[in-house]
Amino acid sequence: MTKSELIERISLKLPHLLQRDVELAINVTIDAMIHHLARAERIEIRGFGGFSVIQRAARIGRNPKTGEPVSLPMRYTTHFKAGLDLRDRVSRSSDRFPSIKD
């Protein structure tokens, strides 16, 4: 699902709201999340999951084209951990998805 699809679905579910108001609410929410993650603050949405910032250590990688070693610096990245409700819901609906183990 893309951001525009999310906006469209919410607009259809809440017809009393203008689509531009729904779009503004989604954009403000995403901007707030980006702002707090940029400050290395944790975000928790009950029932959905949590976002946090983790530090990745510097390491030596390989250029996939040439195989030469490449120095990769320390960096920060975001991490998402699904909440219990989300995990349970995905597990219950797993019969609708083709098996990825094979």
PDB file of N, CA and C in Angstrom:
ATOM      1  N   MET A   1       0.842  -1.170   0.000  1.00  0.00           N
ATOM      2  CA  MET A   1       0.000   0.000   0.000  1.00  0.00           C
ATOM      3  C   MET A   1       0.892   1.239   0.000  1.00  0.00           C
ATOM      4  N   THR A   2       0.547   2.180  -0.847  1.00  0.00           N
ATOM      5  CA  THR A   2       1.284   3.428  -0.912  1.00  0.00           C
ATOM      6  C   THR A   2       0.575   4.484  -0.064  1.00  0.00           C
ATOM      7  N   LYS A   3       1.263   5.604   0.133  1.00  0.00           N
ATOM      8  CA  LYS A   3       0.666   6.692   0.913  1.00  0.00           C
ATOM      9  C   LYS A   3      -0.613   7.195   0.256  1.00  0.00           C
ATOM     10  N   SER A   4      -0.623   7.319  -1.060  1.00  0.00           N
ATOM     11  CA  SER A   4      -1.823   7.802  -1.749  1.00  0.00           C
ATOM     12  C   SER A   4      -2.971   6.806  -1.628  1.00  0.00           C
ATOM     13  N   GLU A   5      -2.668   5.504  -1.625  1.00  0.00           N
ATOM     14  CA  GLU A   5      -3.715   4.488  -1.420  1.00  0.00           C
ATOM     15  C   GLU A   5      -4.275   4.567  -0.008  1.00  0.00           C
ATOM     16  N   LEU A   6      -3.402   4.803   0.974  1.00  0.00           N
ATOM     17  CA  LEU A   6      -3.848   4.962   2.356  1.00  0.00           C
ATOM     18  C   LEU A   6      -4.781   6.162   2.483  1.00  0.00           C
ATOM     19  N   ILE A   7      -4.403   7.276   1.893  1.00  0.00           N
ATOM     20  CA  ILE A   7      -5.226   8.484   1.927  1.00  0.00           C
ATOM     21  C   ILE A   7      -6.587   8.215   1.283  1.00  0.00           C
ATOM     22  N   GLU A   8      -6.575   7.520   0.165  1.00  0.00           N
ATOM     23  CA  GLU A   8      -7.827   7.208  -0.536  1.00  0.00           C
ATOM     24  C   GLU A   8      -8.727   6.308   0.314  1.00  0.00           C
ATOM     25  N   ARG A   9      -8.156   5.281   0.941  1.00  0.00           N
ATOM     26  CA  ARG A   9      -8.963   4.382   1.774  1.00  0.00           C
ATOM     27  C   ARG A   9      -9.564   5.092   2.975  1.00  0.00           C
ATOM     28  N   ILE A  10      -8.777   5.945   3.616  1.00  0.00           N
ATOM     29  CA  ILE A  10      -9.299   6.685   4.767  1.00  0.00           C
ATOM     30  C   ILE A  10     -10.384   7.648   4.311  1.00  0.00           C
ATOM     31  N   SER A  11     -10.195   8.294   3.177  1.00  0.00           N
ATOM     32  CA  SER A  11     -11.207   9.210   2.637  1.00  0.00           C
ATOM     33  C   SER A  11     -12.511   8.489   2.340  1.00  0.00           C
ATOM     34  N   LEU A  12     -12.418   7.266   1.823  1.00  0.00           N
ATOM     35  CA  LEU A  12     -13.624   6.485   1.541  1.00  0.00           C
ATOM     36  C   LEU A  12     -14.318   6.035   2.829  1.00  0.00           C
ATOM     37  N   LYS A  13     -13.521   5.714   3.837  1.00  0.00           N
ATOM     38  CA  LYS A  13     -14.078   5.247   5.110  1.00  0.00           C
ATOM     39  C   LYS A  13     -14.690   6.397   5.917  1.00  0.00           C
ATOM     40  N   LEU A  14     -14.165   7.596   5.744  1.00  0.00           N
ATOM     41  CA  LEU A  14     -14.645   8.780   6.454  1.00  0.00           C
ATOM     42  C   LEU A  14     -15.079   9.838   5.439  1.00  0.00           C
ATOM     43  N   PRO A  15     -16.228   9.647   4.790  1.00  0.00           N
ATOM     44  CA  PRO A  15     -16.633  10.539   3.702  1.00  0.00           C
ATOM     45  C   PRO A  15     -16.917  11.974   4.144  1.00  0.00           C
ATOM     46  N   HIS A  16     -17.110  12.199   5.446  1.00  0.00           N
ATOM     47  CA  HIS A  16     -17.350  13.555   5.929  1.00  0.00           C
ATOM     48  C   HIS A  16     -16.082  14.404   5.966  1.00  0.00           C
ATOM     49  N   LEU A  17     -14.907  13.766   5.789  1.00  0.00           N
ATOM     50  CA  LEU A  17     -13.641  14.499   5.741  1.00  0.00           C
ATOM     51  C   LEU A  17     -13.230  14.716   4.287  1.00  0.00           C
ATOM     52  N   LEU A  18     -12.714  15.883   4.004  1.00  0.00           N
ATOM     53  CA  LEU A  18     -12.195  16.160   2.666  1.00  0.00           C
ATOM     54  C   LEU A  18     -10.890  15.391   2.463  1.00  0.00           C
ATOM     55  N   GLN A  19     -10.646  14.971   1.231  1.00  0.00           N
ATOM     56  CA  GLN A  19      -9.431  14.210   0.950  1.00  0.00           C
ATOM     57  C   GLN A  19      -8.186  15.021   1.272  1.00  0.00           C
ATOM     58  N   ARG A  20      -8.208  16.319   1.036  1.00  0.00           N
ATOM     59  CA  ARG A  20      -7.020  17.135   1.332  1.00  0.00           C
ATOM     60  C   ARG A  20      -6.768  17.220   2.836  1.00  0.00           C
ATOM     61  N   ASP A  21      -7.839  17.136   3.661  1.00  0.00           N
ATOM     62  CA  ASP A  21      -7.660  17.123   5.113  1.00  0.00           C
ATOM     63  C   ASP A  21      -7.054  15.802   5.579  1.00  0.00           C
ATOM     64  N   VAL A  22      -7.492  14.711   4.967  1.00  0.00           N
ATOM     65  CA  VAL A  22      -6.923  13.397   5.282  1.00  0.00           C
ATOM     66  C   VAL A  22      -5.448  13.376   4.888  1.00  0.00           C
ATOM     67  N   GLU A  23      -5.154  13.909   3.709  1.00  0.00           N
ATOM     68  CA  GLU A  23      -3.765  13.961   3.241  1.00  0.00           C
ATOM     69  C   GLU A  23      -2.905  14.800   4.182  1.00  0.00           C
ATOM     70  N   LEU A  24      -3.426  15.917   4.641  1.00  0.00           N
ATOM     71  CA  LEU A  24      -2.692  16.770   5.577  1.00  0.00           C
ATOM     72  C   LEU A  24      -2.423  16.029   6.886  1.00  0.00           C
ATOM     73  N   ALA A  25      -3.438  15.318   7.399  1.00  0.00           N
ATOM     74  CA  ALA A  25      -3.271  14.564   8.650  1.00  0.00           C
ATOM     75  C   ALA A  25      -2.203  13.480   8.501  1.00  0.00           C
ATOM     76  N   ILE A  26      -2.209  12.762   7.385  1.00  0.00           N
ATOM     77  CA  ILE A  26      -1.206  11.716   7.142  1.00  0.00           C
ATOM     78  C   ILE A  26       0.181  12.342   7.046  1.00  0.00           C
ATOM     79  N   ASN A  27       0.309  13.438   6.306  1.00  0.00           N
ATOM     80  CA  ASN A  27       1.609  14.097   6.154  1.00  0.00           C
ATOM     81  C   ASN A  27       2.142  14.629   7.474  1.00  0.00           C
ATOM     82  N   VAL A  28       1.273  15.227   8.294  1.00  0.00           N
ATOM     83  CA  VAL A  28       1.703  15.739   9.603  1.00  0.00           C
ATOM     84  C   VAL A  28       2.161  14.582  10.489  1.00  0.00           C
ATOM     85  N   THR A  29       1.438  13.458  10.451  1.00  0.00           N
ATOM     86  CA  THR A  29       1.806  12.285  11.252  1.00  0.00           C
ATOM     87  C   THR A  29       3.174  11.751  10.832  1.00  0.00           C
ATOM     88  N   ILE A  30       3.374  11.598   9.541  1.00  0.00           N
ATOM     89  CA  ILE A  30       4.652  11.075   9.046  1.00  0.00           C
ATOM     90  C   ILE A  30       5.789  12.044   9.359  1.00  0.00           C
ATOM     91  N   ASP A  31       5.544  13.338   9.188  1.00  0.00           N
ATOM     92  CA  ASP A  31       6.573  14.334   9.524  1.00  0.00           C
ATOM     93  C   ASP A  31       6.946  14.283  11.000  1.00  0.00           C
ATOM     94  N   ALA A  32       5.949  14.113  11.867  1.00  0.00           N
ATOM     95  CA  ALA A  32       6.225  14.020  13.305  1.00  0.00           C
ATOM     96  C   ALA A  32       7.055  12.772  13.612  1.00  0.00           C
ATOM     97  N   MET A  33       6.737  11.668  12.954  1.00  0.00           N
ATOM     98  CA  MET A  33       7.499  10.436  13.171  1.00  0.00           C
ATOM     99  C   MET A  33       8.950  10.621  12.718  1.00  0.00           C
ATOM    100  N   ILE A  34       9.142  11.231  11.558  1.00  0.00           N
ATOM    101  CA  ILE A  34      10.496  11.472  11.050  1.00  0.00           C
ATOM    102  C   ILE A  34      11.265  12.382  12.016  1.00  0.00           C
ATOM    103  N   HIS A  35      10.606  13.428  12.495  1.00  0.00           N
ATOM    104  CA  HIS A  35      11.235  14.370  13.418  1.00  0.00           C
ATOM    105  C   HIS A  35      11.723  13.657  14.686  1.00  0.00           C
ATOM    106  N   HIS A  36      10.879  12.814  15.273  1.00  0.00           N
ATOM    107  CA  HIS A  36      11.257  12.140  16.516  1.00  0.00           C
ATOM    108  C   HIS A  36      12.322  11.063  16.284  1.00  0.00           C
ATOM    109  N   LEU A  37      12.241  10.351  15.167  1.00  0.00           N
ATOM    110  CA  LEU A  37      13.283   9.365  14.874  1.00  0.00           C
ATOM    111  C   LEU A  37      14.613  10.049  14.589  1.00  0.00           C
ATOM    112  N   ALA A  38      14.586  11.210  13.953  1.00  0.00           N
ATOM    113  CA  ALA A  38      15.826  11.948  13.695  1.00  0.00           C
ATOM    114  C   ALA A  38      16.487  12.386  14.995  1.00  0.00           C
ATOM    115  N   ARG A  39      15.695  12.535  16.057  1.00  0.00           N
ATOM    116  CA  ARG A  39      16.233  12.871  17.375  1.00  0.00           C
ATOM    117  C   ARG A  39      16.502  11.616  18.205  1.00  0.00           C
ATOM    118  N   ALA A  40      16.484  10.448  17.551  1.00  0.00           N
ATOM    119  CA  ALA A  40      16.741   9.135  18.166  1.00  0.00           C
ATOM    120  C   ALA A  40      15.734   8.812  19.267  1.00  0.00           C
ATOM    121  N   GLU A  41      14.514   9.287  19.127  1.00  0.00           N
ATOM    122  CA  GLU A  41      13.452   8.976  20.082  1.00  0.00           C
ATOM    123  C   GLU A  41      12.645   7.795  19.562  1.00  0.00           C
ATOM    124  N   ARG A  42      12.203   6.962  20.481  1.00  0.00           N
ATOM    125  CA  ARG A  42      11.407   5.785  20.135  1.00  0.00           C
ATOM    126  C   ARG A  42       9.959   6.195  19.896  1.00  0.00           C
ATOM    127  N   ILE A  43       9.309   5.537  18.940  1.00  0.00           N
ATOM    128  CA  ILE A  43       7.899   5.755  18.651  1.00  0.00           C
ATOM    129  C   ILE A  43       7.179   4.434  18.878  1.00  0.00           C
ATOM    130  N   GLU A  44       6.122   4.451  19.656  1.00  0.00           N
ATOM    131  CA  GLU A  44       5.344   3.239  19.897  1.00  0.00           C
ATOM    132  C   GLU A  44       3.886   3.508  19.549  1.00  0.00           C
ATOM    133  N   ILE A  45       3.345   2.668  18.679  1.00  0.00           N
ATOM    134  CA  ILE A  45       1.937   2.734  18.315  1.00  0.00           C
ATOM    135  C   ILE A  45       1.319   1.432  18.796  1.00  0.00           C
ATOM    136  N   ARG A  46       0.567   1.505  19.891  1.00  0.00           N
ATOM    137  CA  ARG A  46       0.000   0.301  20.510  1.00  0.00           C
ATOM    138  C   ARG A  46      -0.803  -0.504  19.503  1.00  0.00           C
ATOM    139  N   GLY A  47      -0.576  -1.807  19.504  1.00  0.00           N
ATOM    140  CA  GLY A  47      -1.269  -2.700  18.597  1.00  0.00           C
ATOM    141  C   GLY A  47      -0.630  -2.802  17.226  1.00  0.00           C
ATOM    142  N   PHE A  48       0.215  -1.848  16.881  1.00  0.00           N
ATOM    143  CA  PHE A  48       0.865  -1.855  15.570  1.00  0.00           C
ATOM    144  C   PHE A  48       2.335  -2.219  15.703  1.00  0.00           C
ATOM    145  N   GLY A  49       3.090  -1.435  16.492  1.00  0.00           N
ATOM    146  CA  GLY A  49       4.503  -1.739  16.668  1.00  0.00           C
ATOM    147  C   GLY A  49       5.292  -0.522  17.105  1.00  0.00           C
ATOM    148  N   GLY A  50       6.579  -0.699  17.163  1.00  0.00           N
ATOM    149  CA  GLY A  50       7.461   0.366  17.613  1.00  0.00           C
ATOM    150  C   GLY A  50       8.588   0.614  16.637  1.00  0.00           C
ATOM    151  N   PHE A  51       8.960   1.876  16.517  1.00  0.00           N
ATOM    152  CA  PHE A  51      10.080   2.290  15.684  1.00  0.00           C
ATOM    153  C   PHE A  51      11.179   2.808  16.602  1.00  0.00           C
ATOM    154  N   SER A  52      12.410   2.452  16.306  1.00  0.00           N
ATOM    155  CA  SER A  52      13.534   2.959  17.079  1.00  0.00           C
ATOM    156  C   SER A  52      14.725   3.144  16.151  1.00  0.00           C
ATOM    157  N   VAL A  53      15.739   3.815  16.663  1.00  0.00           N
ATOM    158  CA  VAL A  53      16.958   4.055  15.903  1.00  0.00           C
ATOM    159  C   VAL A  53      18.052   3.177  16.504  1.00  0.00           C
ATOM    160  N   ILE A  54      18.747   2.443  15.650  1.00  0.00           N
ATOM    161  CA  ILE A  54      19.841   1.607  16.128  1.00  0.00           C
ATOM    162  C   ILE A  54      21.135   2.033  15.432  1.00  0.00           C
ATOM    163  N   GLN A  55      22.244   1.755  16.086  1.00  0.00           N
ATOM    164  CA  GLN A  55      23.558   2.095  15.553  1.00  0.00           C
ATOM    165  C   GLN A  55      24.171   0.851  14.923  1.00  0.00           C
ATOM    166  N   ARG A  56      24.620   0.987  13.700  1.00  0.00           N
ATOM    167  CA  ARG A  56      25.322  -0.102  13.017  1.00  0.00           C
ATOM    168  C   ARG A  56      26.816   0.197  13.073  1.00  0.00           C
ATOM    169  N   ALA A  57      27.585  -0.776  13.500  1.00  0.00           N
ATOM    170  CA  ALA A  57      29.025  -0.600  13.645  1.00  0.00           C
ATOM    171  C   ALA A  57      29.699  -0.468  12.281  1.00  0.00           C
ATOM    172  N   ALA A  58      30.852   0.203  12.288  1.00  0.00           N
ATOM    173  CA  ALA A  58      31.670   0.285  11.074  1.00  0.00           C
ATOM    174  C   ALA A  58      32.153  -1.120  10.740  1.00  0.00           C
ATOM    175  N   ARG A  59      32.284  -1.391   9.449  1.00  0.00           N
ATOM    176  CA  ARG A  59      32.726  -2.734   9.044  1.00  0.00           C
ATOM    177  C   ARG A  59      33.357  -2.681   7.663  1.00  0.00           C
ATOM    178  N   ILE A  60      33.947  -3.787   7.297  1.00  0.00           N
ATOM    179  CA  ILE A  60      34.522  -3.922   5.961  1.00  0.00           C
ATOM    180  C   ILE A  60      33.544  -4.736   5.127  1.00  0.00           C
ATOM    181  N   GLY A  61      33.078  -4.138   4.028  1.00  0.00           N
ATOM    182  CA  GLY A  61      32.181  -4.829   3.108  1.00  0.00           C
ATOM    183  C   GLY A  61      32.919  -5.159   1.832  1.00  0.00           C
ATOM    184  N   ARG A  62      32.200  -5.642   0.849  1.00  0.00           N
ATOM    185  CA  ARG A  62      32.807  -5.985  -0.442  1.00  0.00           C
ATOM    186  C   ARG A  62      32.018  -5.324  -1.556  1.00  0.00           C
ATOM    187  N   ASN A  63      32.734  -4.799  -2.525  1.00  0.00           N
ATOM    188  CA  ASN A  63      32.110  -4.281  -3.730  1.00  0.00           C
ATOM    189  C   ASN A  63      31.592  -5.492  -4.508  1.00  0.00           C
ATOM    190  N   PRO A  64      30.267  -5.593  -4.742  1.00  0.00           N
ATOM    191  CA  PRO A  64      29.739  -6.796  -5.395  1.00  0.00           C
ATOM    192  C   PRO A  64      30.226  -6.975  -6.833  1.00  0.00           C
ATOM    193  N   LYS A  65      30.609  -5.897  -7.469  1.00  0.00           N
ATOM    194  CA  LYS A  65      31.052  -5.979  -8.857  1.00  0.00           C
ATOM    195  C   LYS A  65      32.496  -6.466  -8.970  1.00  0.00           C
ATOM    196  N   THR A  66      33.365  -5.913  -8.106  1.00  0.00           N
ATOM    197  CA  THR A  66      34.792  -6.234  -8.211  1.00  0.00           C
ATOM    198  C   THR A  66      35.287  -7.172  -7.116  1.00  0.00           C
ATOM    199  N   GLY A  67      34.551  -7.275  -6.038  1.00  0.00           N
ATOM    200  CA  GLY A  67      34.987  -8.118  -4.921  1.00  0.00           C
ATOM    201  C   GLY A  67      35.990  -7.444  -4.013  1.00  0.00           C
ATOM    202  N   GLU A  68      36.335  -6.182  -4.298  1.00  0.00           N
ATOM    203  CA  GLU A  68      37.311  -5.465  -3.481  1.00  0.00           C
ATOM    204  C   GLU A  68      36.706  -5.088  -2.131  1.00  0.00           C
ATOM    205  N   PRO A  69      37.526  -5.091  -1.071  1.00  0.00           N
ATOM    206  CA  PRO A  69      37.034  -4.657   0.233  1.00  0.00           C
ATOM    207  C   PRO A  69      36.731  -3.160   0.226  1.00  0.00           C
ATOM    208  N   VAL A  70      35.656  -2.796   0.905  1.00  0.00           N
ATOM    209  CA  VAL A  70      35.242  -1.402   1.002  1.00  0.00           C
ATOM    210  C   VAL A  70      34.963  -1.097   2.472  1.00  0.00           C
ATOM    211  N   SER A  71      35.483   0.018   2.953  1.00  0.00           N
ATOM    212  CA  SER A  71      35.256   0.418   4.338  1.00  0.00           C
ATOM    213  C   SER A  71      33.886   1.085   4.446  1.00  0.00           C
ATOM    214  N   LEU A  72      33.026   0.536   5.297  1.00  0.00           N
ATOM    215  CA  LEU A  72      31.703   1.105   5.537  1.00  0.00           C
ATOM    216  C   LEU A  72      31.703   1.763   6.913  1.00  0.00           C
ATOM    217  N   PRO A  73      31.377   3.037   6.996  1.00  0.00           N
ATOM    218  CA  PRO A  73      31.425   3.742   8.282  1.00  0.00           C
ATOM    219  C   PRO A  73      30.259   3.354   9.191  1.00  0.00           C
ATOM    220  N   MET A  74      30.389   3.723  10.464  1.00  0.00           N
ATOM    221  CA  MET A  74      29.302   3.542  11.413  1.00  0.00           C
ATOM    222  C   MET A  74      28.118   4.385  10.928  1.00  0.00           C
ATOM    223  N   ARG A  75      26.910   3.862  11.120  1.00  0.00           N
ATOM    224  CA  ARG A  75      25.734   4.616  10.700  1.00  0.00           C
ATOM    225  C   ARG A  75      24.563   4.294  11.608  1.00  0.00           C
ATOM    226  N   TYR A  76      23.555   5.125  11.529  1.00  0.00           N
ATOM    227  CA  TYR A  76      22.319   4.903  12.265  1.00  0.00           C
ATOM    228  C   TYR A  76      21.241   4.491  11.273  1.00  0.00           C
ATOM    229  N   THR A  77      20.376   3.607  11.696  1.00  0.00           N
ATOM    230  CA  THR A  77      19.278   3.164  10.855  1.00  0.00           C
ATOM    231  C   THR A  77      18.034   2.958  11.709  1.00  0.00           C
ATOM    232  N   THR A  78      16.883   2.920  11.073  1.00  0.00           N
ATOM    233  CA  THR A  78      15.640   2.712  11.811  1.00  0.00           C
ATOM    234  C   THR A  78      15.343   1.225  11.914  1.00  0.00           C
ATOM    235  N   HIS A  79      14.656   0.877  12.969  1.00  0.00           N
ATOM    236  CA  HIS A  79      14.272  -0.508  13.229  1.00  0.00           C
ATOM    237  C   HIS A  79      12.800  -0.522  13.593  1.00  0.00           C
ATOM    238  N   PHE A  80      12.042  -1.461  13.031  1.00  0.00           N
ATOM    239  CA  PHE A  80      10.626  -1.611  13.347  1.00  0.00           C
ATOM    240  C   PHE A  80      10.410  -2.977  13.961  1.00  0.00           C
ATOM    241  N   LYS A  81       9.685  -3.014  15.067  1.00  0.00           N
ATOM    242  CA  LYS A  81       9.311  -4.276  15.692  1.00  0.00           C
ATOM    243  C   LYS A  81       7.794  -4.307  15.757  1.00  0.00           C
ATOM    244  N   ALA A  82       7.213  -5.294  15.114  1.00  0.00           N
ATOM    245  CA  ALA A  82       5.758  -5.410  15.063  1.00  0.00           C
ATOM    246  C   ALA A  82       5.189  -5.670  16.451  1.00  0.00           C
ATOM    247  N   GLY A  83       4.043  -5.064  16.725  1.00  0.00           N
ATOM    248  CA  GLY A  83       3.349  -5.277  17.987  1.00  0.00           C
ATOM    249  C   GLY A  83       2.646  -6.622  17.995  1.00  0.00           C
ATOM    250  N   LEU A  84       2.206  -7.053  19.160  1.00  0.00           N
ATOM    251  CA  LEU A  84       1.574  -8.357  19.328  1.00  0.00           C
ATOM    252  C   LEU A  84       0.307  -8.477  18.484  1.00  0.00           C
ATOM    253  N   ASP A  85      -0.539  -7.457  18.486  1.00  0.00           N
ATOM    254  CA  ASP A  85      -1.771  -7.515  17.696  1.00  0.00           C
ATOM    255  C   ASP A  85      -1.474  -7.677  16.209  1.00  0.00           C
ATOM    256  N   LEU A  86      -0.504  -6.936  15.713  1.00  0.00           N
ATOM    257  CA  LEU A  86      -0.139  -7.035  14.300  1.00  0.00           C
ATOM    258  C   LEU A  86       0.407  -8.417  13.981  1.00  0.00           C
ATOM    259  N   ARG A  87       1.295  -8.930  14.820  1.00  0.00           N
ATOM    260  CA  ARG A  87       1.858 -10.267  14.588  1.00  0.00           C
ATOM    261  C   ARG A  87       0.776 -11.335  14.583  1.00  0.00           C
ATOM    262  N   ASP A  88      -0.160 -11.257  15.553  1.00  0.00           N
ATOM    263  CA  ASP A  88      -1.241 -12.243  15.617  1.00  0.00           C
ATOM    264  C   ASP A  88      -2.129 -12.177  14.386  1.00  0.00           C
ATOM    265  N   ARG A  89      -2.445 -10.973  13.952  1.00  0.00           N
ATOM    266  CA  ARG A  89      -3.318 -10.806  12.791  1.00  0.00           C
ATOM    267  C   ARG A  89      -2.668 -11.329  11.518  1.00  0.00           C
ATOM    268  N   VAL A  90      -1.379 -11.068  11.369  1.00  0.00           N
ATOM    269  CA  VAL A  90      -0.655 -11.570  10.201  1.00  0.00           C
ATOM    270  C   VAL A  90      -0.565 -13.090  10.256  1.00  0.00           C
ATOM    271  N   SER A  91      -0.330 -13.645  11.434  1.00  0.00           N
ATOM    272  CA  SER A  91      -0.237 -15.101  11.585  1.00  0.00           C
ATOM    273  C   SER A  91      -1.566 -15.775  11.260  1.00  0.00           C
ATOM    274  N   ARG A  92      -2.672 -15.183  11.710  1.00  0.00           N
ATOM    275  CA  ARG A  92      -3.986 -15.766  11.439  1.00  0.00           C
ATOM    276  C   ARG A  92      -4.339 -15.717   9.968  1.00  0.00           C
ATOM    277  N   SER A  93      -3.823 -14.740   9.258  1.00  0.00           N
ATOM    278  CA  SER A  93      -4.150 -14.615   7.838  1.00  0.00           C
ATOM    279  C   SER A  93      -3.113 -15.283   6.948  1.00  0.00           C
ATOM    280  N   SER A  94      -2.170 -16.002   7.550  1.00  0.00           N
ATOM    281  CA  SER A  94      -1.082 -16.603   6.769  1.00  0.00           C
ATOM    282  C   SER A  94      -1.578 -17.660   5.801  1.00  0.00           C
ATOM    283  N   ASP A  95      -2.774 -18.219   6.017  1.00  0.00           N
ATOM    284  CA  ASP A  95      -3.289 -19.213   5.088  1.00  0.00           C
ATOM    285  C   ASP A  95      -3.661 -18.578   3.748  1.00  0.00           C
ATOM    286  N   ARG A  96      -3.768 -17.248   3.697  1.00  0.00           N
ATOM    287  CA  ARG A  96      -4.074 -16.546   2.449  1.00  0.00           C
ATOM    288  C   ARG A  96      -2.816 -16.273   1.630  1.00  0.00           C
ATOM    289  N   PHE A  97      -1.644 -16.446   2.238  1.00  0.00           N
ATOM    290  CA  PHE A  97      -0.392 -16.173   1.553  1.00  0.00           C
ATOM    291  C   PHE A  97       0.249 -17.485   1.101  1.00  0.00           C
ATOM    292  N   PRO A  98       0.895 -17.487  -0.060  1.00  0.00           N
ATOM    293  CA  PRO A  98       1.612 -18.691  -0.462  1.00  0.00           C
ATOM    294  C   PRO A  98       2.795 -18.923   0.482  1.00  0.00           C
ATOM    295  N   SER A  99       3.159 -20.157   0.640  1.00  0.00           N
ATOM    296  CA  SER A  99       4.272 -20.512   1.524  1.00  0.00           C
ATOM    297  C   SER A  99       5.570 -19.932   0.987  1.00  0.00           C
ATOM    298  N   ILE A 100       6.322 -19.266   1.883  1.00  0.00           N
ATOM    299  CA  ILE A 100       7.612 -18.722   1.451  1.00  0.00           C
ATOM    300  C   ILE A 100       8.763 -19.612   1.889  1.00  0.00           C
ATOM    301  N   LYS A 101       8.457 -20.730   2.545  1.00  0.00           N
ATOM    302  CA  LYS A 101       9.507 -21.617   3.019  1.00  0.00           C
ATOM    303  C   LYS A 101      10.024 -22.516   1.914  1.00  0.00           C
ATOM    304  N   ASP A 102       9.213 -22.766   0.903  1.00  0.00           N
ATOM    305  CA  ASP A 102       9.610 -23.681  -0.163  1.00  0.00           C
ATOM    306  C   ASP A 102      10.478 -23.012  -1.189  1.00  0.00           C
TER     307      ASP A 102
END
